[in-house]
Amino acid sequence: MSSLAALCVTAVIVWAACVAIAHLVNPGQDPLAMGMSGLARGEHGWLMRAAFVARGASALLLVAVLVLEAPADAWSRGGMALLWAWGLGSALLAVYATDMPGETPTEAGRVHAVVAAVTYVCVVAGALWVSTALRHAEATAGLVTWALPLAILAGLAMVGQFAAFAVAARPADGGLGRYAGLLQRVFVSLVMLWTALVAAAV
């Protein structure tokens, strides 16, 4: 594994550690229902903000790994541009705080929500695009057998969390809405796993 790939995997590990610790120091936030962004507003919010930055760094490092180390035939410029947008947007979430349930909506909260939604779509599209492109080079063709299914699972989890948060926003919250936070965590975790594995394998 190259130095760049090792840095990318390290960024994923830092993200996971920051999120885990942020949950431990914020026991009042229900991980099943609450989105992870709320952890940036809780006690020791810097931990979740650091996680956003680490997530962004992992994506940008993965783009660098693909550009510098993947065979030219396996490049997907469109896919890498989408991953770049995901990385930049993820880091930007550390700047704009989310609105908590029951609060009056703020401009920062609206920016946070839009950036999160757009970058979620970007990373799924980018992961699918990059995973598919890997098959075009002999050296990376084998990665498709697990990279593409992981990207598809992440896409399904993304759709699930969008649906769950939509349900949770209704006055009569119930059903799927109670698991919006869990689905978001599954989605982002699958994306981060995909990121680390692709970086290490390329």
N, C-alpha and C. Protein backbone atom coordinates (compact mmCIF):
# COMPACT_ATOMS: atom_id res chain seq x y z
N MET A 1 0.85 -1.19 0.00
CA MET A 1 0.00 0.00 0.00
C MET A 1 0.89 1.24 0.00
N SER A 2 0.57 2.20 -0.85
CA SER A 2 1.37 3.41 -0.97
C SER A 2 1.16 4.33 0.22
N SER A 3 2.02 5.35 0.31
CA SER A 3 1.90 6.32 1.39
C SER A 3 0.59 7.09 1.30
N LEU A 4 0.19 7.46 0.08
CA LEU A 4 -1.07 8.18 -0.11
C LEU A 4 -2.25 7.32 0.33
N ALA A 5 -2.22 6.06 -0.07
CA ALA A 5 -3.29 5.15 0.31
C ALA A 5 -3.34 4.98 1.83
N ALA A 6 -2.17 4.88 2.45
CA ALA A 6 -2.11 4.74 3.91
C ALA A 6 -2.69 5.98 4.59
N LEU A 7 -2.42 7.16 4.04
CA LEU A 7 -2.99 8.39 4.59
C LEU A 7 -4.51 8.39 4.46
N CYS A 8 -5.00 7.90 3.33
CA CYS A 8 -6.44 7.83 3.10
C CYS A 8 -7.09 6.89 4.13
N VAL A 9 -6.52 5.72 4.31
CA VAL A 9 -7.05 4.76 5.29
C VAL A 9 -6.97 5.34 6.70
N THR A 10 -5.88 6.05 7.00
CA THR A 10 -5.74 6.68 8.31
C THR A 10 -6.84 7.71 8.54
N ALA A 11 -7.17 8.49 7.50
CA ALA A 11 -8.24 9.49 7.61
C ALA A 11 -9.58 8.82 7.91
N VAL A 12 -9.81 7.65 7.29
CA VAL A 12 -11.04 6.91 7.57
C VAL A 12 -11.06 6.44 9.02
N ILE A 13 -9.94 5.97 9.51
CA ILE A 13 -9.85 5.51 10.90
C ILE A 13 -10.07 6.67 11.87
N VAL A 14 -9.48 7.83 11.56
CA VAL A 14 -9.67 9.01 12.40
C VAL A 14 -11.14 9.41 12.41
N TRP A 15 -11.79 9.37 11.24
CA TRP A 15 -13.22 9.66 11.17
C TRP A 15 -14.01 8.73 12.11
N ALA A 16 -13.74 7.44 12.00
CA ALA A 16 -14.48 6.46 12.81
C ALA A 16 -14.24 6.69 14.31
N ALA A 17 -13.01 6.98 14.68
CA ALA A 17 -12.69 7.20 16.09
C ALA A 17 -13.38 8.45 16.62
N CYS A 18 -13.36 9.53 15.83
CA CYS A 18 -14.00 10.78 16.26
C CYS A 18 -15.50 10.60 16.44
N VAL A 19 -16.13 9.89 15.49
CA VAL A 19 -17.57 9.66 15.59
C VAL A 19 -17.90 8.80 16.81
N ALA A 20 -17.11 7.76 17.03
CA ALA A 20 -17.36 6.87 18.17
C ALA A 20 -17.24 7.61 19.49
N ILE A 21 -16.19 8.42 19.62
CA ILE A 21 -15.99 9.17 20.87
C ILE A 21 -17.08 10.22 21.04
N ALA A 22 -17.47 10.87 19.91
CA ALA A 22 -18.54 11.88 19.98
C ALA A 22 -19.83 11.26 20.50
N HIS A 23 -20.10 10.03 20.11
CA HIS A 23 -21.29 9.35 20.63
C HIS A 23 -21.16 9.08 22.14
N LEU A 24 -19.99 8.69 22.57
CA LEU A 24 -19.78 8.38 23.98
C LEU A 24 -19.98 9.60 24.86
N VAL A 25 -19.55 10.78 24.37
CA VAL A 25 -19.65 11.98 25.21
C VAL A 25 -20.99 12.70 25.02
N ASN A 26 -21.85 12.16 24.17
CA ASN A 26 -23.19 12.72 23.97
C ASN A 26 -24.24 11.62 24.10
N PRO A 27 -24.35 10.99 25.28
CA PRO A 27 -25.28 9.87 25.44
C PRO A 27 -26.75 10.27 25.29
N GLY A 28 -27.04 11.56 25.37
CA GLY A 28 -28.42 12.00 25.24
C GLY A 28 -28.94 12.02 23.82
N GLN A 29 -28.04 11.89 22.83
CA GLN A 29 -28.46 11.90 21.44
C GLN A 29 -28.66 10.46 20.97
N ASP A 30 -29.88 10.16 20.58
CA ASP A 30 -30.25 8.80 20.17
C ASP A 30 -29.64 8.49 18.80
N PRO A 31 -28.71 7.55 18.72
CA PRO A 31 -28.08 7.23 17.43
C PRO A 31 -29.03 6.57 16.44
N LEU A 32 -30.14 6.05 16.93
CA LEU A 32 -31.11 5.44 16.02
C LEU A 32 -31.90 6.49 15.25
N ALA A 33 -32.25 7.57 15.92
CA ALA A 33 -33.13 8.57 15.32
C ALA A 33 -32.41 9.83 14.88
N MET A 34 -31.39 10.26 15.64
CA MET A 34 -30.73 11.53 15.37
C MET A 34 -29.65 11.41 14.32
N GLY A 35 -29.56 12.40 13.42
CA GLY A 35 -28.48 12.44 12.45
C GLY A 35 -27.16 12.71 13.13
N MET A 36 -26.07 12.28 12.52
CA MET A 36 -24.75 12.46 13.11
C MET A 36 -24.36 13.93 13.24
N SER A 37 -24.91 14.79 12.39
CA SER A 37 -24.54 16.20 12.43
C SER A 37 -24.87 16.84 13.77
N GLY A 38 -25.88 16.30 14.46
CA GLY A 38 -26.23 16.84 15.77
C GLY A 38 -25.11 16.72 16.78
N LEU A 39 -24.21 15.77 16.57
CA LEU A 39 -23.09 15.60 17.49
C LEU A 39 -22.15 16.80 17.47
N ALA A 40 -22.15 17.54 16.36
CA ALA A 40 -21.31 18.74 16.27
C ALA A 40 -21.88 19.88 17.10
N ARG A 41 -23.15 19.74 17.52
CA ARG A 41 -23.79 20.76 18.35
C ARG A 41 -23.80 20.35 19.82
N GLY A 42 -23.42 19.14 20.09
CA GLY A 42 -23.48 18.66 21.45
C GLY A 42 -22.21 18.98 22.22
N GLU A 43 -22.09 18.32 23.37
CA GLU A 43 -20.88 18.48 24.18
C GLU A 43 -19.68 18.00 23.37
N HIS A 44 -18.59 18.75 23.43
CA HIS A 44 -17.38 18.42 22.67
C HIS A 44 -17.70 18.32 21.17
N GLY A 45 -18.43 19.30 20.66
CA GLY A 45 -18.82 19.29 19.25
C GLY A 45 -17.64 19.28 18.30
N TRP A 46 -16.48 19.68 18.78
CA TRP A 46 -15.29 19.69 17.91
C TRP A 46 -14.97 18.29 17.40
N LEU A 47 -15.36 17.26 18.13
CA LEU A 47 -15.07 15.89 17.69
C LEU A 47 -15.78 15.57 16.38
N MET A 48 -17.07 15.95 16.27
CA MET A 48 -17.80 15.68 15.05
C MET A 48 -17.32 16.59 13.93
N ARG A 49 -16.94 17.82 14.28
CA ARG A 49 -16.39 18.70 13.24
C ARG A 49 -15.08 18.14 12.71
N ALA A 50 -14.28 17.56 13.60
CA ALA A 50 -13.04 16.91 13.16
C ALA A 50 -13.35 15.71 12.28
N ALA A 51 -14.43 14.99 12.61
CA ALA A 51 -14.84 13.84 11.81
C ALA A 51 -15.23 14.28 10.40
N PHE A 52 -15.93 15.43 10.29
CA PHE A 52 -16.29 15.94 8.96
C PHE A 52 -15.03 16.24 8.15
N VAL A 53 -14.05 16.85 8.79
CA VAL A 53 -12.80 17.19 8.09
C VAL A 53 -12.06 15.92 7.68
N ALA A 54 -12.01 14.93 8.58
CA ALA A 54 -11.34 13.67 8.26
C ALA A 54 -12.05 12.96 7.11
N ARG A 55 -13.38 13.02 7.10
CA ARG A 55 -14.15 12.41 6.01
C ARG A 55 -13.83 13.08 4.69
N GLY A 56 -13.78 14.40 4.72
CA GLY A 56 -13.43 15.13 3.51
C GLY A 56 -12.02 14.82 3.04
N ALA A 57 -11.09 14.74 3.99
CA ALA A 57 -9.70 14.44 3.64
C ALA A 57 -9.58 13.05 3.03
N SER A 58 -10.33 12.09 3.56
CA SER A 58 -10.25 10.72 3.02
C SER A 58 -10.69 10.68 1.56
N ALA A 59 -11.73 11.45 1.24
CA ALA A 59 -12.21 11.47 -0.14
C ALA A 59 -11.20 12.12 -1.08
N LEU A 60 -10.64 13.25 -0.66
CA LEU A 60 -9.66 13.94 -1.50
C LEU A 60 -8.39 13.12 -1.66
N LEU A 61 -8.00 12.41 -0.61
CA LEU A 61 -6.83 11.53 -0.71
C LEU A 61 -7.11 10.36 -1.65
N LEU A 62 -8.35 9.84 -1.62
CA LEU A 62 -8.70 8.75 -2.54
C LEU A 62 -8.61 9.23 -3.98
N VAL A 63 -9.08 10.44 -4.24
CA VAL A 63 -8.97 10.99 -5.60
C VAL A 63 -7.50 11.05 -6.01
N ALA A 64 -6.63 11.49 -5.10
CA ALA A 64 -5.20 11.56 -5.40
C ALA A 64 -4.63 10.17 -5.69
N VAL A 65 -5.05 9.18 -4.90
CA VAL A 65 -4.59 7.81 -5.12
C VAL A 65 -5.02 7.32 -6.50
N LEU A 66 -6.26 7.58 -6.87
CA LEU A 66 -6.77 7.12 -8.16
C LEU A 66 -6.05 7.81 -9.31
N VAL A 67 -5.82 9.11 -9.17
CA VAL A 67 -5.16 9.86 -10.24
C VAL A 67 -3.71 9.43 -10.41
N LEU A 68 -3.01 9.24 -9.29
CA LEU A 68 -1.57 8.98 -9.35
C LEU A 68 -1.20 7.50 -9.46
N GLU A 69 -2.09 6.62 -9.01
CA GLU A 69 -1.68 5.22 -8.91
C GLU A 69 -2.55 4.24 -9.69
N ALA A 70 -3.77 4.62 -10.05
CA ALA A 70 -4.60 3.71 -10.84
C ALA A 70 -4.18 3.76 -12.30
N PRO A 71 -4.27 2.64 -13.01
CA PRO A 71 -3.96 2.66 -14.45
C PRO A 71 -4.86 3.65 -15.18
N ALA A 72 -4.32 4.28 -16.22
CA ALA A 72 -5.07 5.31 -16.94
C ALA A 72 -6.40 4.77 -17.47
N ASP A 73 -6.42 3.49 -17.87
CA ASP A 73 -7.65 2.90 -18.40
C ASP A 73 -8.76 2.82 -17.34
N ALA A 74 -8.36 2.83 -16.07
CA ALA A 74 -9.34 2.70 -14.98
C ALA A 74 -9.80 4.05 -14.44
N TRP A 75 -9.29 5.12 -15.04
CA TRP A 75 -9.69 6.45 -14.57
C TRP A 75 -11.13 6.73 -14.93
N SER A 76 -11.78 7.43 -14.04
CA SER A 76 -13.14 7.91 -14.30
C SER A 76 -13.16 9.37 -13.86
N ARG A 77 -12.90 10.26 -14.80
CA ARG A 77 -12.79 11.68 -14.43
C ARG A 77 -14.09 12.20 -13.82
N GLY A 78 -15.21 11.76 -14.38
CA GLY A 78 -16.48 12.19 -13.82
C GLY A 78 -16.67 11.66 -12.41
N GLY A 79 -16.33 10.38 -12.21
CA GLY A 79 -16.46 9.79 -10.88
C GLY A 79 -15.54 10.46 -9.88
N MET A 80 -14.31 10.78 -10.30
CA MET A 80 -13.38 11.42 -9.38
C MET A 80 -13.82 12.85 -9.06
N ALA A 81 -14.44 13.53 -10.03
CA ALA A 81 -14.96 14.88 -9.77
C ALA A 81 -16.07 14.82 -8.72
N LEU A 82 -16.91 13.79 -8.80
CA LEU A 82 -17.99 13.63 -7.82
C LEU A 82 -17.43 13.32 -6.44
N LEU A 83 -16.38 12.50 -6.38
CA LEU A 83 -15.74 12.21 -5.09
C LEU A 83 -15.08 13.46 -4.52
N TRP A 84 -14.52 14.28 -5.40
CA TRP A 84 -13.91 15.54 -4.97
C TRP A 84 -14.98 16.44 -4.35
N ALA A 85 -16.15 16.51 -4.99
CA ALA A 85 -17.25 17.32 -4.46
C ALA A 85 -17.69 16.79 -3.09
N TRP A 86 -17.75 15.46 -2.95
CA TRP A 86 -18.09 14.84 -1.66
C TRP A 86 -17.07 15.22 -0.60
N GLY A 87 -15.80 15.18 -0.94
CA GLY A 87 -14.76 15.52 0.02
C GLY A 87 -14.82 16.97 0.46
N LEU A 88 -14.96 17.86 -0.50
CA LEU A 88 -15.03 19.28 -0.18
C LEU A 88 -16.28 19.59 0.63
N GLY A 89 -17.42 19.02 0.21
CA GLY A 89 -18.67 19.25 0.93
C GLY A 89 -18.64 18.70 2.34
N SER A 90 -18.03 17.53 2.52
CA SER A 90 -17.93 16.94 3.86
C SER A 90 -17.18 17.86 4.81
N ALA A 91 -16.05 18.39 4.34
CA ALA A 91 -15.28 19.31 5.18
C ALA A 91 -16.06 20.59 5.47
N LEU A 92 -16.85 21.04 4.49
CA LEU A 92 -17.62 22.27 4.64
C LEU A 92 -18.68 22.14 5.73
N LEU A 93 -19.15 20.92 5.98
CA LEU A 93 -20.17 20.71 7.01
C LEU A 93 -19.65 21.06 8.41
N ALA A 94 -18.33 21.07 8.56
CA ALA A 94 -17.75 21.45 9.85
C ALA A 94 -17.92 22.93 10.12
N VAL A 95 -18.17 23.71 9.06
CA VAL A 95 -18.29 25.17 9.19
C VAL A 95 -19.73 25.59 9.46
N TYR A 96 -20.68 24.92 8.80
CA TYR A 96 -22.09 25.28 8.91
C TYR A 96 -22.80 24.29 9.84
N ALA A 97 -23.22 24.77 11.00
CA ALA A 97 -23.85 23.90 11.99
C ALA A 97 -25.27 23.55 11.59
N THR A 98 -25.66 22.32 11.89
CA THR A 98 -27.02 21.88 11.61
C THR A 98 -28.01 22.46 12.61
N ASP A 99 -29.27 22.50 12.23
CA ASP A 99 -30.33 22.88 13.17
C ASP A 99 -30.78 21.63 13.93
N MET A 100 -30.99 21.79 15.21
CA MET A 100 -31.47 20.68 16.02
C MET A 100 -33.00 20.64 15.99
N PRO A 101 -33.58 19.46 16.23
CA PRO A 101 -35.05 19.35 16.23
C PRO A 101 -35.70 20.34 17.19
N GLY A 102 -36.73 21.02 16.69
CA GLY A 102 -37.45 21.98 17.52
C GLY A 102 -36.90 23.39 17.46
N GLU A 103 -35.71 23.58 16.90
CA GLU A 103 -35.12 24.91 16.79
C GLU A 103 -35.71 25.67 15.59
N THR A 104 -35.68 26.98 15.67
CA THR A 104 -36.06 27.80 14.53
C THR A 104 -35.00 27.62 13.45
N PRO A 105 -35.40 27.31 12.21
CA PRO A 105 -34.42 27.10 11.14
C PRO A 105 -33.51 28.32 10.95
N THR A 106 -32.24 28.05 10.72
CA THR A 106 -31.26 29.12 10.50
C THR A 106 -30.67 28.99 9.10
N GLU A 107 -30.02 30.06 8.66
CA GLU A 107 -29.37 30.03 7.34
C GLU A 107 -28.27 28.98 7.32
N ALA A 108 -27.48 28.91 8.39
CA ALA A 108 -26.41 27.91 8.47
C ALA A 108 -26.98 26.51 8.42
N GLY A 109 -28.10 26.29 9.11
CA GLY A 109 -28.73 24.97 9.10
C GLY A 109 -29.22 24.58 7.73
N ARG A 110 -29.76 25.55 6.99
CA ARG A 110 -30.23 25.27 5.63
C ARG A 110 -29.06 24.92 4.72
N VAL A 111 -27.96 25.67 4.86
CA VAL A 111 -26.77 25.37 4.05
C VAL A 111 -26.26 23.98 4.37
N HIS A 112 -26.21 23.66 5.65
CA HIS A 112 -25.75 22.33 6.08
C HIS A 112 -26.59 21.23 5.45
N ALA A 113 -27.91 21.39 5.49
CA ALA A 113 -28.80 20.36 4.96
C ALA A 113 -28.64 20.19 3.45
N VAL A 114 -28.53 21.31 2.73
CA VAL A 114 -28.39 21.24 1.27
C VAL A 114 -27.04 20.63 0.89
N VAL A 115 -25.97 21.08 1.54
CA VAL A 115 -24.64 20.54 1.23
C VAL A 115 -24.59 19.04 1.52
N ALA A 116 -25.16 18.63 2.65
CA ALA A 116 -25.17 17.21 3.01
C ALA A 116 -25.92 16.40 1.96
N ALA A 117 -27.12 16.84 1.59
CA ALA A 117 -27.93 16.09 0.62
C ALA A 117 -27.24 15.99 -0.73
N VAL A 118 -26.70 17.12 -1.21
CA VAL A 118 -26.04 17.12 -2.53
C VAL A 118 -24.80 16.23 -2.52
N THR A 119 -24.00 16.33 -1.47
CA THR A 119 -22.77 15.54 -1.44
C THR A 119 -23.06 14.05 -1.24
N TYR A 120 -24.15 13.72 -0.55
CA TYR A 120 -24.52 12.31 -0.43
C TYR A 120 -24.79 11.71 -1.81
N VAL A 121 -25.54 12.44 -2.61
CA VAL A 121 -25.82 11.97 -3.97
C VAL A 121 -24.53 11.89 -4.77
N CYS A 122 -23.66 12.89 -4.60
CA CYS A 122 -22.38 12.91 -5.33
C CYS A 122 -21.53 11.68 -5.01
N VAL A 123 -21.44 11.32 -3.72
CA VAL A 123 -20.55 10.22 -3.37
C VAL A 123 -21.09 8.88 -3.87
N VAL A 124 -22.41 8.71 -3.84
CA VAL A 124 -22.96 7.45 -4.35
C VAL A 124 -22.73 7.35 -5.86
N ALA A 125 -23.04 8.43 -6.57
CA ALA A 125 -22.82 8.43 -8.01
C ALA A 125 -21.34 8.25 -8.34
N GLY A 126 -20.49 8.93 -7.58
CA GLY A 126 -19.05 8.81 -7.81
C GLY A 126 -18.52 7.42 -7.52
N ALA A 127 -18.98 6.81 -6.43
CA ALA A 127 -18.54 5.46 -6.09
C ALA A 127 -18.98 4.44 -7.14
N LEU A 128 -20.21 4.59 -7.62
CA LEU A 128 -20.70 3.69 -8.68
C LEU A 128 -19.89 3.87 -9.96
N TRP A 129 -19.62 5.11 -10.30
CA TRP A 129 -18.89 5.44 -11.53
C TRP A 129 -17.46 4.93 -11.46
N VAL A 130 -16.79 5.21 -10.34
CA VAL A 130 -15.40 4.78 -10.17
C VAL A 130 -15.32 3.25 -10.13
N SER A 131 -16.23 2.62 -9.40
CA SER A 131 -16.21 1.15 -9.29
C SER A 131 -16.37 0.50 -10.66
N THR A 132 -17.26 1.06 -11.47
CA THR A 132 -17.47 0.51 -12.81
C THR A 132 -16.26 0.72 -13.70
N ALA A 133 -15.62 1.88 -13.57
CA ALA A 133 -14.46 2.19 -14.41
C ALA A 133 -13.26 1.30 -14.10
N LEU A 134 -13.17 0.80 -12.87
CA LEU A 134 -12.02 -0.01 -12.48
C LEU A 134 -11.90 -1.28 -13.32
N ARG A 135 -13.01 -1.74 -13.88
CA ARG A 135 -12.98 -2.98 -14.66
C ARG A 135 -12.25 -2.83 -16.00
N HIS A 136 -12.01 -1.58 -16.41
CA HIS A 136 -11.42 -1.35 -17.73
C HIS A 136 -9.91 -1.57 -17.77
N ALA A 137 -9.28 -1.74 -16.61
CA ALA A 137 -7.84 -2.02 -16.57
C ALA A 137 -7.62 -3.38 -15.93
N GLU A 138 -6.74 -4.15 -16.49
CA GLU A 138 -6.51 -5.52 -16.00
C GLU A 138 -6.08 -5.51 -14.54
N ALA A 139 -5.27 -4.53 -14.16
CA ALA A 139 -4.72 -4.50 -12.80
C ALA A 139 -5.79 -4.24 -11.74
N THR A 140 -6.88 -3.60 -12.12
CA THR A 140 -7.91 -3.25 -11.14
C THR A 140 -9.25 -3.93 -11.39
N ALA A 141 -9.33 -4.75 -12.42
CA ALA A 141 -10.61 -5.36 -12.79
C ALA A 141 -11.20 -6.19 -11.66
N GLY A 142 -10.36 -6.85 -10.88
CA GLY A 142 -10.85 -7.70 -9.80
C GLY A 142 -11.53 -6.94 -8.68
N LEU A 143 -11.21 -5.65 -8.56
CA LEU A 143 -11.80 -4.84 -7.48
C LEU A 143 -13.29 -4.66 -7.64
N VAL A 144 -13.76 -4.75 -8.89
CA VAL A 144 -15.18 -4.49 -9.16
C VAL A 144 -16.08 -5.49 -8.44
N THR A 145 -15.59 -6.69 -8.22
CA THR A 145 -16.43 -7.75 -7.64
C THR A 145 -16.92 -7.39 -6.24
N TRP A 146 -16.17 -6.54 -5.52
CA TRP A 146 -16.64 -6.11 -4.20
C TRP A 146 -16.89 -4.61 -4.12
N ALA A 147 -16.17 -3.81 -4.93
CA ALA A 147 -16.34 -2.36 -4.88
C ALA A 147 -17.73 -1.95 -5.36
N LEU A 148 -18.18 -2.56 -6.46
CA LEU A 148 -19.49 -2.19 -7.00
C LEU A 148 -20.63 -2.59 -6.08
N PRO A 149 -20.65 -3.83 -5.55
CA PRO A 149 -21.72 -4.16 -4.59
C PRO A 149 -21.74 -3.25 -3.36
N LEU A 150 -20.56 -2.87 -2.86
CA LEU A 150 -20.50 -1.96 -1.72
C LEU A 150 -21.12 -0.60 -2.07
N ALA A 151 -20.79 -0.12 -3.28
CA ALA A 151 -21.34 1.16 -3.72
C ALA A 151 -22.86 1.08 -3.89
N ILE A 152 -23.34 -0.04 -4.40
CA ILE A 152 -24.79 -0.22 -4.56
C ILE A 152 -25.48 -0.26 -3.19
N LEU A 153 -24.89 -0.98 -2.24
CA LEU A 153 -25.46 -1.03 -0.88
C LEU A 153 -25.50 0.36 -0.26
N ALA A 154 -24.43 1.14 -0.48
CA ALA A 154 -24.41 2.50 0.04
C ALA A 154 -25.53 3.32 -0.58
N GLY A 155 -25.76 3.14 -1.88
CA GLY A 155 -26.83 3.86 -2.55
C GLY A 155 -28.20 3.51 -1.97
N LEU A 156 -28.42 2.24 -1.72
CA LEU A 156 -29.69 1.80 -1.13
C LEU A 156 -29.88 2.38 0.28
N ALA A 157 -28.79 2.40 1.05
CA ALA A 157 -28.85 2.97 2.39
C ALA A 157 -29.12 4.47 2.34
N MET A 158 -28.55 5.14 1.32
CA MET A 158 -28.79 6.57 1.17
C MET A 158 -30.27 6.85 0.90
N VAL A 159 -30.86 6.08 0.00
CA VAL A 159 -32.28 6.24 -0.30
C VAL A 159 -33.11 5.99 0.96
N GLY A 160 -32.73 4.95 1.71
CA GLY A 160 -33.44 4.64 2.94
C GLY A 160 -33.37 5.76 3.96
N GLN A 161 -32.20 6.37 4.11
CA GLN A 161 -32.09 7.44 5.10
C GLN A 161 -32.81 8.70 4.64
N PHE A 162 -32.82 8.99 3.34
CA PHE A 162 -33.60 10.13 2.86
C PHE A 162 -35.09 9.92 3.17
N ALA A 163 -35.58 8.71 2.91
CA ALA A 163 -36.98 8.40 3.18
C ALA A 163 -37.27 8.50 4.68
N ALA A 164 -36.35 8.00 5.49
CA ALA A 164 -36.56 8.01 6.94
C ALA A 164 -36.57 9.43 7.49
N PHE A 165 -35.67 10.28 7.03
CA PHE A 165 -35.66 11.66 7.50
C PHE A 165 -36.90 12.42 7.03
N ALA A 166 -37.40 12.08 5.85
CA ALA A 166 -38.64 12.71 5.36
C ALA A 166 -39.81 12.34 6.26
N VAL A 167 -39.86 11.07 6.67
CA VAL A 167 -40.92 10.63 7.58
C VAL A 167 -40.77 11.30 8.94
N ALA A 168 -39.51 11.38 9.41
CA ALA A 168 -39.25 11.97 10.73
C ALA A 168 -39.64 13.44 10.79
N ALA A 169 -39.63 14.12 9.64
CA ALA A 169 -39.95 15.56 9.61
C ALA A 169 -41.44 15.83 9.73
N ARG A 170 -42.26 14.80 9.56
CA ARG A 170 -43.72 14.98 9.66
C ARG A 170 -44.14 15.12 11.12
N PRO A 171 -45.23 15.84 11.36
CA PRO A 171 -45.69 16.03 12.75
C PRO A 171 -45.95 14.71 13.47
N ALA A 172 -46.58 13.77 12.76
CA ALA A 172 -46.87 12.47 13.36
C ALA A 172 -45.73 11.51 13.02
N ASP A 173 -44.61 11.72 13.67
CA ASP A 173 -43.42 10.91 13.39
C ASP A 173 -43.63 9.48 13.89
N GLY A 174 -43.12 8.56 13.13
CA GLY A 174 -43.22 7.16 13.54
C GLY A 174 -42.66 6.25 12.48
N GLY A 175 -42.68 4.98 12.74
CA GLY A 175 -42.22 4.01 11.77
C GLY A 175 -40.78 4.21 11.39
N LEU A 176 -40.55 4.33 10.10
CA LEU A 176 -39.20 4.44 9.55
C LEU A 176 -38.44 5.63 10.11
N GLY A 177 -39.16 6.70 10.43
CA GLY A 177 -38.52 7.91 10.93
C GLY A 177 -37.72 7.68 12.20
N ARG A 178 -38.10 6.68 12.98
CA ARG A 178 -37.37 6.39 14.22
C ARG A 178 -35.98 5.83 13.97
N TYR A 179 -35.72 5.44 12.72
CA TYR A 179 -34.43 4.83 12.40
C TYR A 179 -33.64 5.64 11.38
N ALA A 180 -33.98 6.93 11.25
CA ALA A 180 -33.29 7.78 10.29
C ALA A 180 -31.79 7.88 10.60
N GLY A 181 -31.46 8.06 11.87
CA GLY A 181 -30.06 8.17 12.26
C GLY A 181 -29.29 6.89 12.00
N LEU A 182 -29.90 5.76 12.28
CA LEU A 182 -29.25 4.48 12.05
C LEU A 182 -28.96 4.28 10.56
N LEU A 183 -29.95 4.58 9.71
CA LEU A 183 -29.75 4.41 8.27
C LEU A 183 -28.67 5.35 7.75
N GLN A 184 -28.61 6.56 8.31
CA GLN A 184 -27.55 7.49 7.90
C GLN A 184 -26.17 6.93 8.28
N ARG A 185 -26.08 6.38 9.48
CA ARG A 185 -24.81 5.84 9.93
C ARG A 185 -24.39 4.63 9.09
N VAL A 186 -25.34 3.80 8.71
CA VAL A 186 -25.03 2.66 7.84
C VAL A 186 -24.54 3.16 6.49
N PHE A 187 -25.25 4.15 5.94
CA PHE A 187 -24.87 4.71 4.65
C PHE A 187 -23.45 5.27 4.67
N VAL A 188 -23.17 6.17 5.60
CA VAL A 188 -21.85 6.80 5.63
C VAL A 188 -20.76 5.78 5.94
N SER A 189 -21.05 4.82 6.80
CA SER A 189 -20.06 3.78 7.12
C SER A 189 -19.72 2.94 5.90
N LEU A 190 -20.72 2.62 5.08
CA LEU A 190 -20.46 1.87 3.85
C LEU A 190 -19.60 2.68 2.89
N VAL A 191 -19.88 3.98 2.80
CA VAL A 191 -19.07 4.84 1.94
C VAL A 191 -17.63 4.88 2.43
N MET A 192 -17.44 5.02 3.74
CA MET A 192 -16.08 5.10 4.28
C MET A 192 -15.35 3.77 4.14
N LEU A 193 -16.06 2.66 4.29
CA LEU A 193 -15.45 1.35 4.08
C LEU A 193 -15.02 1.21 2.63
N TRP A 194 -15.90 1.61 1.71
CA TRP A 194 -15.56 1.58 0.28
C TRP A 194 -14.32 2.42 0.00
N THR A 195 -14.26 3.61 0.60
CA THR A 195 -13.12 4.51 0.40
C THR A 195 -11.82 3.85 0.84
N ALA A 196 -11.81 3.29 2.05
CA ALA A 196 -10.59 2.68 2.58
C ALA A 196 -10.15 1.48 1.76
N LEU A 197 -11.11 0.63 1.36
CA LEU A 197 -10.77 -0.58 0.64
C LEU A 197 -10.26 -0.27 -0.77
N VAL A 198 -10.90 0.67 -1.44
CA VAL A 198 -10.43 1.04 -2.78
C VAL A 198 -9.05 1.65 -2.72
N ALA A 199 -8.82 2.54 -1.77
CA ALA A 199 -7.50 3.16 -1.63
C ALA A 199 -6.43 2.11 -1.39
N ALA A 200 -6.73 1.16 -0.49
CA ALA A 200 -5.75 0.12 -0.15
C ALA A 200 -5.49 -0.84 -1.30
N ALA A 201 -6.53 -1.09 -2.11
CA ALA A 201 -6.42 -2.10 -3.19
C ALA A 201 -5.80 -1.56 -4.46
N VAL A 202 -6.01 -0.27 -4.74
CA VAL A 202 -5.48 0.30 -5.99
C VAL A 202 -3.97 0.34 -5.94
